[in-house]
C-alpha atoms as a PDB file:
ATOM      1  CA  UNK A   1     -79.834 -19.025 107.052  1.00  0.00           C
ATOM      2  CA  UNK A   2     -82.049 -17.558 109.795  1.00  0.00           C
ATOM      3  CA  UNK A   3     -80.567 -14.098 109.237  1.00  0.00           C
ATOM      4  CA  UNK A   4     -81.473 -14.281 105.544  1.00  0.00           C
ATOM      5  CA  UNK A   5     -85.033 -15.319 106.414  1.00  0.00           C
ATOM      6  CA  UNK A   6     -85.373 -12.352 108.771  1.00  0.00           C
ATOM      7  CA  UNK A   7     -84.514  -9.998 105.933  1.00  0.00           C
ATOM      8  CA  UNK A   8     -87.527 -11.185 103.906  1.00  0.00           C
ATOM      9  CA  UNK A   9     -90.285  -9.453 105.966  1.00  0.00           C
ATOM     10  CA  UNK A  10     -88.057  -6.380 106.393  1.00  0.00           C
ATOM     11  CA  UNK A  11     -87.621  -6.167 102.613  1.00  0.00           C
ATOM     12  CA  UNK A  12     -91.355  -6.553 102.065  1.00  0.00           C
ATOM     13  CA  UNK A  13     -92.102  -3.731 104.515  1.00  0.00           C
ATOM     14  CA  UNK A  14     -89.498  -1.564 102.779  1.00  0.00           C
ATOM     15  CA  UNK A  15     -91.123  -2.166  99.400  1.00  0.00           C
ATOM     16  CA  UNK A  16     -94.614  -1.415 100.750  1.00  0.00           C
ATOM     17  CA  UNK A  17     -93.605   1.856 102.412  1.00  0.00           C
ATOM     18  CA  UNK A  18     -91.073   3.083  99.866  1.00  0.00           C
ATOM     19  CA  UNK A  19     -93.007   2.032  96.766  1.00  0.00           C
ATOM     20  CA  UNK A  20     -95.348   5.065  96.646  1.00  0.00           C
ATOM     21  CA  UNK A  21     -92.475   7.463  97.386  1.00  0.00           C
ATOM     22  CA  UNK A  22     -90.330   6.029  94.609  1.00  0.00           C
ATOM     23  CA  UNK A  23     -93.278   6.145  92.218  1.00  0.00           C
ATOM     24  CA  UNK A  24     -93.793   9.869  92.910  1.00  0.00           C
ATOM     25  CA  UNK A  25     -90.078  10.625  92.475  1.00  0.00           C
ATOM     26  CA  UNK A  26     -89.873   8.694  89.193  1.00  0.00           C
ATOM     27  CA  UNK A  27     -92.982  10.386  87.809  1.00  0.00           C
ATOM     28  CA  UNK A  28     -91.646  13.798  88.799  1.00  0.00           C
ATOM     29  CA  UNK A  29     -88.382  13.132  86.937  1.00  0.00           C
ATOM     30  CA  UNK A  30     -90.090  12.448  83.619  1.00  0.00           C
ATOM     31  CA  UNK A  31     -89.741  16.073  82.583  1.00  0.00           C
ATOM     32  CA  UNK A  32     -87.592  18.860  84.021  1.00  0.00           C
ATOM     33  CA  UNK A  33     -90.341  21.317  83.123  1.00  0.00           C
ATOM     34  CA  UNK A  34     -92.363  19.963  86.014  1.00  0.00           C
ATOM     35  CA  UNK A  35     -89.829  21.320  88.487  1.00  0.00           C
ATOM     36  CA  UNK A  36     -89.586  24.599  86.596  1.00  0.00           C
ATOM     37  CA  UNK A  37     -93.318  24.972  87.054  1.00  0.00           C
ATOM     38  CA  UNK A  38     -92.936  24.530  90.816  1.00  0.00           C
ATOM     39  CA  UNK A  39     -89.962  26.895  91.088  1.00  0.00           C
ATOM     40  CA  UNK A  40     -91.833  29.621  89.213  1.00  0.00           C
ATOM     41  CA  UNK A  41     -94.900  29.145  91.406  1.00  0.00           C
ATOM     42  CA  UNK A  42     -94.410  31.613  94.267  1.00  0.00           C
ATOM     43  CA  UNK A  43     -97.570  30.412  96.021  1.00  0.00           C
ATOM     44  CA  UNK A  44     -96.035  26.960  96.414  1.00  0.00           C
ATOM     45  CA  UNK A  45     -93.112  28.254  98.452  1.00  0.00           C
ATOM     46  CA  UNK A  46     -95.392  30.596 100.396  1.00  0.00           C
ATOM     47  CA  UNK A  47     -97.420  27.621 101.581  1.00  0.00           C
ATOM     48  CA  UNK A  48     -94.233  25.612 102.176  1.00  0.00           C
ATOM     49  CA  UNK A  49     -92.767  28.264 104.487  1.00  0.00           C
ATOM     50  CA  UNK A  50     -96.022  28.492 106.430  1.00  0.00           C
ATOM     51  CA  UNK A  51     -96.114  24.724 106.808  1.00  0.00           C
ATOM     52  CA  UNK A  52     -92.540  24.593 108.122  1.00  0.00           C
ATOM     53  CA  UNK A  53     -93.378  27.404 110.543  1.00  0.00           C
ATOM     54  CA  UNK A  54     -96.448  25.561 111.855  1.00  0.00           C
ATOM     55  CA  UNK A  55     -94.434  22.370 112.241  1.00  0.00           C
ATOM     56  CA  UNK A  56     -91.520  23.994 114.061  1.00  0.00           C
ATOM     57  CA  UNK A  57     -93.799  25.831 116.492  1.00  0.00           C
ATOM     58  CA  UNK A  58     -95.939  22.751 117.173  1.00  0.00           C
ATOM     59  CA  UNK A  59     -92.894  20.514 117.646  1.00  0.00           C
ATOM     60  CA  UNK A  60     -91.171  22.952 120.002  1.00  0.00           C
ATOM     61  CA  UNK A  61     -94.276  23.741 122.040  1.00  0.00           C
ATOM     62  CA  UNK A  62     -95.330  20.097 122.372  1.00  0.00           C
ATOM     63  CA  UNK A  63     -91.835  19.144 123.559  1.00  0.00           C
ATOM     64  CA  UNK A  64     -91.805  21.900 126.185  1.00  0.00           C
ATOM     65  CA  UNK A  65     -95.254  20.900 127.455  1.00  0.00           C
ATOM     66  CA  UNK A  66     -94.573  17.157 127.362  1.00  0.00           C
ATOM     67  CA  UNK A  67     -91.377  17.274 129.446  1.00  0.00           C
ATOM     68  CA  UNK A  68     -92.957  18.183 132.821  1.00  0.00           C
ATOM     69  CA  UNK A  69     -96.010  16.017 132.131  1.00  0.00           C
ATOM     70  CA  UNK A  70     -93.840  13.014 131.268  1.00  0.00           C
ATOM     71  CA  UNK A  71     -91.697  13.587 134.363  1.00  0.00           C
ATOM     72  CA  UNK A  72     -94.762  13.713 136.615  1.00  0.00           C
ATOM     73  CA  UNK A  73     -96.076  10.424 135.251  1.00  0.00           C
ATOM     74  CA  UNK A  74     -92.632   8.835 135.566  1.00  0.00           C
ATOM     75  CA  UNK A  75     -91.258  10.089 138.890  1.00  0.00           C
ATOM     76  CA  UNK A  76     -93.900  11.844 140.973  1.00  0.00           C
ATOM     77  CA  UNK A  77     -95.888   9.432 143.112  1.00  0.00           C
ATOM     78  CA  UNK A  78     -99.511  10.366 143.679  1.00  0.00           C
ATOM     79  CA  UNK A  79    -102.795   8.585 144.077  1.00  0.00           C
ATOM     80  CA  UNK A  80    -104.335   7.032 140.965  1.00  0.00           C
ATOM     81  CA  UNK A  81    -101.231   7.866 138.912  1.00  0.00           C
ATOM     82  CA  UNK A  82    -101.254   4.585 136.986  1.00  0.00           C
ATOM     83  CA  UNK A  83    -105.001   4.765 136.371  1.00  0.00           C
ATOM     84  CA  UNK A  84    -104.690   8.320 135.075  1.00  0.00           C
ATOM     85  CA  UNK A  85    -101.815   7.319 132.816  1.00  0.00           C
ATOM     86  CA  UNK A  86    -103.842   4.388 131.482  1.00  0.00           C
ATOM     87  CA  UNK A  87    -106.699   6.764 130.624  1.00  0.00           C
ATOM     88  CA  UNK A  88    -104.166   9.061 128.970  1.00  0.00           C
ATOM     89  CA  UNK A  89    -102.987   6.192 126.769  1.00  0.00           C
ATOM     90  CA  UNK A  90    -106.575   5.416 125.769  1.00  0.00           C
ATOM     91  CA  UNK A  91    -106.985   9.036 124.688  1.00  0.00           C
ATOM     92  CA  UNK A  92    -103.764   8.731 122.694  1.00  0.00           C
ATOM     93  CA  UNK A  93    -105.196   5.750 120.800  1.00  0.00           C
ATOM     94  CA  UNK A  94    -108.308   7.645 119.714  1.00  0.00           C
ATOM     95  CA  UNK A  95    -108.238   8.681 116.043  1.00  0.00           C
ATOM     96  CA  UNK A  96    -108.542  12.323 115.094  1.00  0.00           C
ATOM     97  CA  UNK A  97    -112.077  11.764 113.819  1.00  0.00           C
ATOM     98  CA  UNK A  98    -113.221  10.849 117.358  1.00  0.00           C
ATOM     99  CA  UNK A  99    -112.119  14.182 118.815  1.00  0.00           C
ATOM    100  CA  UNK A 100    -112.597  16.584 115.914  1.00  0.00           C
ATOM    101  CA  UNK A 101    -116.078  17.710 117.032  1.00  0.00           C
ATOM    102  CA  UNK A 102    -114.951  18.594 120.557  1.00  0.00           C
ATOM    103  CA  UNK A 103    -111.931  20.394 119.124  1.00  0.00           C
ATOM    104  CA  UNK A 104    -114.107  22.338 116.708  1.00  0.00           C
ATOM    105  CA  UNK A 105    -116.494  23.424 119.482  1.00  0.00           C
ATOM    106  CA  UNK A 106    -113.582  24.416 121.730  1.00  0.00           C
ATOM    107  CA  UNK A 107    -111.908  26.557 119.071  1.00  0.00           C
ATOM    108  CA  UNK A 108    -115.218  28.139 118.121  1.00  0.00           C
ATOM    109  CA  UNK A 109    -115.815  29.159 121.727  1.00  0.00           C
ATOM    110  CA  UNK A 110    -112.270  30.556 121.924  1.00  0.00           C
ATOM    111  CA  UNK A 111    -112.765  32.390 118.595  1.00  0.00           C
ATOM    112  CA  UNK A 112    -109.789  30.568 117.095  1.00  0.00           C
ATOM    113  CA  UNK A 113    -111.489  29.039 114.068  1.00  0.00           C
ATOM    114  CA  UNK A 114    -109.868  30.018 110.771  1.00  0.00           C
ATOM    115  CA  UNK A 115    -106.739  30.953 112.684  1.00  0.00           C
ATOM    116  CA  UNK A 116    -103.314  29.273 112.257  1.00  0.00           C
ATOM    117  CA  UNK A 117    -103.148  29.192 116.048  1.00  0.00           C
ATOM    118  CA  UNK A 118    -105.809  26.478 116.032  1.00  0.00           C
ATOM    119  CA  UNK A 119    -103.567  24.190 113.981  1.00  0.00           C
ATOM    120  CA  UNK A 120    -100.533  24.882 116.158  1.00  0.00           C
ATOM    121  CA  UNK A 121    -102.400  24.270 119.419  1.00  0.00           C
ATOM    122  CA  UNK A 122    -104.176  21.098 118.313  1.00  0.00           C
ATOM    123  CA  UNK A 123    -100.826  19.536 117.417  1.00  0.00           C
ATOM    124  CA  UNK A 124     -98.907  20.995 120.385  1.00  0.00           C
ATOM    125  CA  UNK A 125    -101.020  19.034 122.857  1.00  0.00           C
ATOM    126  CA  UNK A 126    -100.397  15.696 121.187  1.00  0.00           C
ATOM    127  CA  UNK A 127    -100.303  12.937 123.849  1.00  0.00           C
ATOM    128  CA  UNK A 128     -97.580  10.909 122.117  1.00  0.00           C
ATOM    129  CA  UNK A 129     -94.588  13.001 123.342  1.00  0.00           C
ATOM    130  CA  UNK A 130     -95.834  12.722 126.924  1.00  0.00           C
ATOM    131  CA  UNK A 131     -96.005   8.942 126.608  1.00  0.00           C
ATOM    132  CA  UNK A 132     -92.517   8.695 125.080  1.00  0.00           C
ATOM    133  CA  UNK A 133     -90.935  10.962 127.688  1.00  0.00           C
ATOM    134  CA  UNK A 134     -92.640   9.084 130.491  1.00  0.00           C
ATOM    135  CA  UNK A 135     -91.137   5.851 129.200  1.00  0.00           C
ATOM    136  CA  UNK A 136     -87.724   7.473 128.905  1.00  0.00           C
ATOM    137  CA  UNK A 137     -87.685   9.178 132.317  1.00  0.00           C
ATOM    138  CA  UNK A 138     -88.934   6.039 134.060  1.00  0.00           C
ATOM    139  CA  UNK A 139     -85.517   4.534 133.398  1.00  0.00           C
ATOM    140  CA  UNK A 140     -83.673   7.440 135.056  1.00  0.00           C
ATOM    141  CA  UNK A 141     -82.217   6.195 138.390  1.00  0.00           C
ATOM    142  CA  UNK A 142     -83.814   7.684 141.507  1.00  0.00           C
ATOM    143  CA  UNK A 143     -80.366   7.970 143.061  1.00  0.00           C
ATOM    144  CA  UNK A 144     -79.541  10.685 140.536  1.00  0.00           C
ATOM    145  CA  UNK A 145     -82.379  12.938 141.641  1.00  0.00           C
ATOM    146  CA  UNK A 146     -81.704  12.213 145.303  1.00  0.00           C
ATOM    147  CA  UNK A 147     -78.058  13.162 144.908  1.00  0.00           C
ATOM    148  CA  UNK A 148     -78.919  16.363 143.071  1.00  0.00           C
ATOM    149  CA  UNK A 149     -81.460  17.358 145.727  1.00  0.00           C
ATOM    150  CA  UNK A 150     -78.626  17.473 148.246  1.00  0.00           C
ATOM    151  CA  UNK A 151     -76.848  20.067 146.097  1.00  0.00           C
ATOM    152  CA  UNK A 152     -79.764  22.271 145.100  1.00  0.00           C
ATOM    153  CA  UNK A 153     -83.508  22.636 145.621  1.00  0.00           C
ATOM    154  CA  UNK A 154     -84.043  24.555 142.392  1.00  0.00           C
ATOM    155  CA  UNK A 155     -86.531  22.822 140.117  1.00  0.00           C
ATOM    156  CA  UNK A 156     -85.259  24.699 137.061  1.00  0.00           C
ATOM    157  CA  UNK A 157     -81.651  23.677 137.704  1.00  0.00           C
ATOM    158  CA  UNK A 158     -82.766  20.089 138.180  1.00  0.00           C
ATOM    159  CA  UNK A 159     -84.566  20.133 134.834  1.00  0.00           C
ATOM    160  CA  UNK A 160     -81.700  21.905 133.081  1.00  0.00           C
ATOM    161  CA  UNK A 161     -78.765  19.876 134.388  1.00  0.00           C
ATOM    162  CA  UNK A 162     -80.324  16.468 135.063  1.00  0.00           C
ATOM    163  CA  UNK A 163     -83.634  15.784 133.327  1.00  0.00           C
ATOM    164  CA  UNK A 164     -83.055  17.497 129.976  1.00  0.00           C
ATOM    165  CA  UNK A 165     -79.565  15.995 129.360  1.00  0.00           C
ATOM    166  CA  UNK A 166     -80.876  12.548 130.261  1.00  0.00           C
ATOM    167  CA  UNK A 167     -83.966  12.844 128.053  1.00  0.00           C
ATOM    168  CA  UNK A 168     -82.323  14.781 125.201  1.00  0.00           C
ATOM    169  CA  UNK A 169     -82.523  11.925 122.629  1.00  0.00           C
ATOM    170  CA  UNK A 170     -86.196  11.374 123.392  1.00  0.00           C
ATOM    171  CA  UNK A 171     -86.876  15.115 123.275  1.00  0.00           C
ATOM    172  CA  UNK A 172     -85.423  15.177 119.767  1.00  0.00           C
ATOM    173  CA  UNK A 173     -87.511  12.146 118.819  1.00  0.00           C
ATOM    174  CA  UNK A 174     -90.698  13.699 120.193  1.00  0.00           C
ATOM    175  CA  UNK A 175     -90.016  16.936 118.370  1.00  0.00           C
ATOM    176  CA  UNK A 176     -89.470  15.101 115.088  1.00  0.00           C
ATOM    177  CA  UNK A 177     -92.660  13.041 115.411  1.00  0.00           C
ATOM    178  CA  UNK A 178     -94.825  16.084 116.103  1.00  0.00           C
ATOM    179  CA  UNK A 179     -93.055  18.009 113.348  1.00  0.00           C
ATOM    180  CA  UNK A 180     -93.908  15.272 110.829  1.00  0.00           C
ATOM    181  CA  UNK A 181     -97.501  15.008 112.075  1.00  0.00           C
ATOM    182  CA  UNK A 182     -97.994  18.752 111.712  1.00  0.00           C
ATOM    183  CA  UNK A 183     -96.201  18.857 108.382  1.00  0.00           C
ATOM    184  CA  UNK A 184     -98.576  16.281 106.928  1.00  0.00           C
ATOM    185  CA  UNK A 185    -101.887  17.437 108.409  1.00  0.00           C
ATOM    186  CA  UNK A 186    -104.802  17.788 106.017  1.00  0.00           C
ATOM    187  CA  UNK A 187    -108.055  17.151 107.869  1.00  0.00           C
ATOM    188  CA  UNK A 188    -107.169  19.510 110.703  1.00  0.00           C
ATOM    189  CA  UNK A 189    -106.693  22.417 108.311  1.00  0.00           C
ATOM    190  CA  UNK A 190    -109.926  21.809 106.421  1.00  0.00           C
ATOM    191  CA  UNK A 191    -111.966  21.431 109.627  1.00  0.00           C
ATOM    192  CA  UNK A 192    -110.512  24.176 111.817  1.00  0.00           C
ATOM    193  CA  UNK A 193    -109.719  26.633 108.991  1.00  0.00           C
ATOM    194  CA  UNK A 194    -112.529  26.042 106.464  1.00  0.00           C
ATOM    195  CA  UNK A 195    -112.600  29.645 105.173  1.00  0.00           C
ATOM    196  CA  UNK A 196    -108.957  30.653 105.525  1.00  0.00           C
ATOM    197  CA  UNK A 197    -107.409  28.784 102.606  1.00  0.00           C
ATOM    198  CA  UNK A 198    -104.594  31.332 102.364  1.00  0.00           C
ATOM    199  CA  UNK A 199    -103.111  29.996 105.612  1.00  0.00           C
ATOM    200  CA  UNK A 200    -103.489  26.310 104.764  1.00  0.00           C
ATOM    201  CA  UNK A 201    -100.432  24.075 105.163  1.00  0.00           C
ATOM    202  CA  UNK A 202     -98.872  22.841 101.944  1.00  0.00           C
ATOM    203  CA  UNK A 203    -100.157  19.305 102.521  1.00  0.00           C
ATOM    204  CA  UNK A 204    -103.738  20.587 102.270  1.00  0.00           C
ATOM    205  CA  UNK A 205    -103.234  22.448  98.977  1.00  0.00           C
ATOM    206  CA  UNK A 206    -101.211  19.923  96.984  1.00  0.00           C
ATOM    207  CA  UNK A 207    -104.424  18.755  95.319  1.00  0.00           C
ATOM    208  CA  UNK A 208    -104.839  22.232  93.832  1.00  0.00           C
ATOM    209  CA  UNK A 209    -101.561  21.999  91.901  1.00  0.00           C
ATOM    210  CA  UNK A 210    -101.779  21.554  88.120  1.00  0.00           C
ATOM    211  CA  UNK A 211    -101.626  17.912  87.120  1.00  0.00           C
ATOM    212  CA  UNK A 212     -98.323  18.352  85.284  1.00  0.00           C
ATOM    213  CA  UNK A 213     -96.679  19.754  88.419  1.00  0.00           C
ATOM    214  CA  UNK A 214     -98.299  17.517  91.022  1.00  0.00           C
ATOM    215  CA  UNK A 215     -95.572  14.863  91.320  1.00  0.00           C
ATOM    216  CA  UNK A 216     -92.770  17.421  91.300  1.00  0.00           C
ATOM    217  CA  UNK A 217     -94.579  19.339  94.039  1.00  0.00           C
ATOM    218  CA  UNK A 218     -94.950  16.195  96.134  1.00  0.00           C
ATOM    219  CA  UNK A 219     -91.240  15.424  95.734  1.00  0.00           C
ATOM    220  CA  UNK A 220     -90.204  18.917  96.831  1.00  0.00           C
ATOM    221  CA  UNK A 221     -92.715  18.657  99.677  1.00  0.00           C
ATOM    222  CA  UNK A 222     -90.900  15.587 101.047  1.00  0.00           C
ATOM    223  CA  UNK A 223     -87.430  17.187 101.097  1.00  0.00           C
ATOM    224  CA  UNK A 224     -87.609  19.160 104.405  1.00  0.00           C
ATOM    225  CA  UNK A 225     -88.667  16.095 106.396  1.00  0.00           C
ATOM    226  CA  UNK A 226     -85.950  13.982 104.786  1.00  0.00           C
ATOM    227  CA  UNK A 227     -83.252  16.569 105.516  1.00  0.00           C
ATOM    228  CA  UNK A 228     -84.319  16.992 109.143  1.00  0.00           C
ATOM    229  CA  UNK A 229     -84.445  13.237 109.633  1.00  0.00           C
ATOM    230  CA  UNK A 230     -80.927  12.787 108.265  1.00  0.00           C
ATOM    231  CA  UNK A 231     -79.700  15.543 110.586  1.00  0.00           C
ATOM    232  CA  UNK A 232     -81.098  14.015 113.777  1.00  0.00           C
ATOM    233  CA  UNK A 233     -81.184  10.315 112.893  1.00  0.00           C
ATOM    234  CA  UNK A 234     -78.671   9.307 115.586  1.00  0.00           C
ATOM    235  CA  UNK A 235     -80.552  11.127 118.332  1.00  0.00           C
ATOM    236  CA  UNK A 236     -83.815   9.529 117.229  1.00  0.00           C
ATOM    237  CA  UNK A 237     -82.310   6.045 117.316  1.00  0.00           C
ATOM    238  CA  UNK A 238     -80.902   6.627 120.777  1.00  0.00           C
ATOM    239  CA  UNK A 239     -84.189   8.071 121.945  1.00  0.00           C
ATOM    240  CA  UNK A 240     -86.197   5.073 120.807  1.00  0.00           C
ATOM    241  CA  UNK A 241     -83.974   2.795 122.918  1.00  0.00           C
ATOM    242  CA  UNK A 242     -85.944   4.046 125.922  1.00  0.00           C
ATOM    243  CA  UNK A 243     -89.206   2.981 124.291  1.00  0.00           C
ATOM    244  CA  UNK A 244     -90.258   0.207 126.612  1.00  0.00           C
ATOM    245  CA  UNK A 245     -92.956  -0.384 129.169  1.00  0.00           C
ATOM    246  CA  UNK A 246     -91.990   0.356 132.770  1.00  0.00           C
END
């Protein structure tokens, strides 16, 4: 009986989150001509390829940057480490609107406004992967690193043969989360690239689609994320097992 009761809130959450997606898919299937309109629209796929490129670069770069930062917070003992990590978490909780002005001023000073590099960089330094990898690497036994230090003093070998294999599921999870965040960005593009509409991500130009092709475009837009998720679902599940406070 208790198991059946537990399924009730889970089913409600599923309906809430999947309802809009199902509505878009059903509306897009009303007429096949809607998809023909998207297929014949070369601009749609041009924006789609750019969006996937932004997302792949941001996901890869954020993962590479987050690995050493997460390891330092997890394993390197230094003064005020916990206080610094607490401040880092507070920054992670800030919404984009709270930091958009500082980001705009920074990119303007670096002459990166209206450049795709601004979108890639702003997403590559996301604090979430650092937090997740810190939680994951905190559970790595210290005996492992001590034993490896007796064999080699190479930091790169240690990362390659010990840290990366241990944190591989969480690395995949971090990559996927940043990929999805970049893939769905709208405000960032319109703030940091106000004049360069040609290099907008697809998520920022869906509103410009003709009304008859809007739902079909949204459905096609969702496919890359769904396919990538299905491909790495097991690694993501294993990675989230490390998600606990240490």
